[in-house]
Amino acid sequence: MAGTEEEKREKALAEVKMYQANDWDLKEETPEYFLLTRERKANGWLVFLGLIFYIIPGIVYYAVVKSTPEKKKIIK
């Protein structure tokens, strides 16, 4: 039975190495599992979409609001 446990570990370790090749880090190994972690990175497309849908409309709105003069009417 010790051979099968070693075979299971080797099979799982092969999968761990595949994940490690894709920027995953081995944080912990127990008899039951391997614990892998990875830092999330901002995707370039998310930054680009943020510029298009949030920042650029905000700049346009600011330019339109600043270009129109404010008026105030005081009634006598």
Protein backbone atom coordinates (compact mmCIF):
# COMPACT_ATOMS: atom_id res chain seq x y z
CA MET A 1 0.00 0.00 0.00
CA ALA A 2 2.97 2.32 0.52
CA GLY A 3 3.75 2.04 -3.19
CA THR A 4 0.30 3.27 -4.17
CA GLU A 5 0.56 6.26 -1.83
CA GLU A 6 3.91 7.13 -3.39
CA GLU A 7 2.41 6.73 -6.87
CA LYS A 8 -0.48 9.05 -5.95
CA ARG A 9 1.98 11.62 -4.60
CA GLU A 10 4.11 11.47 -7.74
CA LYS A 11 1.04 11.85 -9.96
CA ALA A 12 -0.16 14.84 -7.93
CA LEU A 13 3.36 16.28 -7.88
CA ALA A 14 3.44 16.15 -11.69
CA GLU A 15 0.25 18.24 -11.72
CA VAL A 16 1.74 20.64 -9.16
CA LYS A 17 4.78 21.14 -11.40
CA MET A 18 2.46 21.98 -14.30
CA TYR A 19 0.81 24.68 -12.17
CA GLN A 20 4.18 25.94 -10.96
CA ALA A 21 5.16 26.47 -14.59
CA ASN A 22 2.14 28.83 -14.81
CA ASP A 23 3.18 31.11 -11.90
CA TRP A 24 1.59 29.13 -9.05
CA ASP A 25 3.59 28.76 -5.83
CA LEU A 26 3.57 25.69 -3.61
CA LYS A 27 2.59 27.00 -0.20
CA GLU A 28 2.01 23.82 1.75
CA GLU A 29 2.13 20.05 1.36
CA THR A 30 0.20 17.75 3.66
CA PRO A 31 -0.41 14.01 3.39
CA GLU A 32 -3.83 14.79 1.85
CA TYR A 33 -3.15 17.68 -0.53
CA PHE A 34 -0.83 20.27 -2.03
CA LEU A 35 -1.81 23.90 -1.42
CA LEU A 36 -0.94 26.27 -4.28
CA THR A 37 -1.27 30.06 -4.35
CA ARG A 38 -0.97 32.70 -7.03
CA GLU A 39 -1.00 36.47 -6.96
CA ARG A 40 -3.67 37.99 -9.12
CA LYS A 41 -2.40 40.49 -11.63
CA ALA A 42 -4.36 43.26 -13.26
CA ASN A 43 -5.19 42.37 -16.81
CA GLY A 44 -4.20 44.98 -19.39
CA TRP A 45 -7.61 44.72 -21.00
CA LEU A 46 -9.31 45.59 -17.72
CA VAL A 47 -7.24 48.75 -17.45
CA PHE A 48 -8.05 49.61 -21.06
CA LEU A 49 -11.78 49.04 -20.53
CA GLY A 50 -11.63 51.10 -17.37
CA LEU A 51 -10.16 53.98 -19.33
CA ILE A 52 -12.82 53.73 -22.02
CA PHE A 53 -15.89 53.31 -19.81
CA TYR A 54 -15.03 55.31 -16.70
CA ILE A 55 -12.21 57.81 -17.04
CA ILE A 56 -12.76 59.11 -20.58
CA PRO A 57 -16.51 59.77 -20.09
CA GLY A 58 -15.66 61.51 -16.82
CA ILE A 59 -13.19 63.78 -18.62
CA VAL A 60 -15.73 64.52 -21.37
CA TYR A 61 -18.43 65.29 -18.79
CA TYR A 62 -16.04 67.59 -16.90
CA ALA A 63 -15.12 69.42 -20.13
CA VAL A 64 -18.79 69.88 -21.10
CA VAL A 65 -19.81 71.10 -17.65
CA LYS A 66 -16.88 73.52 -17.44
CA SER A 67 -17.54 74.91 -20.93
CA THR A 68 -21.12 75.89 -20.11
CA PRO A 69 -21.38 79.04 -18.01
CA GLU A 70 -23.25 78.92 -14.75
CA LYS A 71 -26.25 81.16 -14.39
CA LYS A 72 -28.04 82.26 -11.31
CA LYS A 73 -31.23 84.31 -11.28
CA ILE A 74 -32.15 86.31 -8.22
CA ILE A 75 -35.77 87.42 -8.09
CA LYS A 76 -36.52 90.88 -6.54
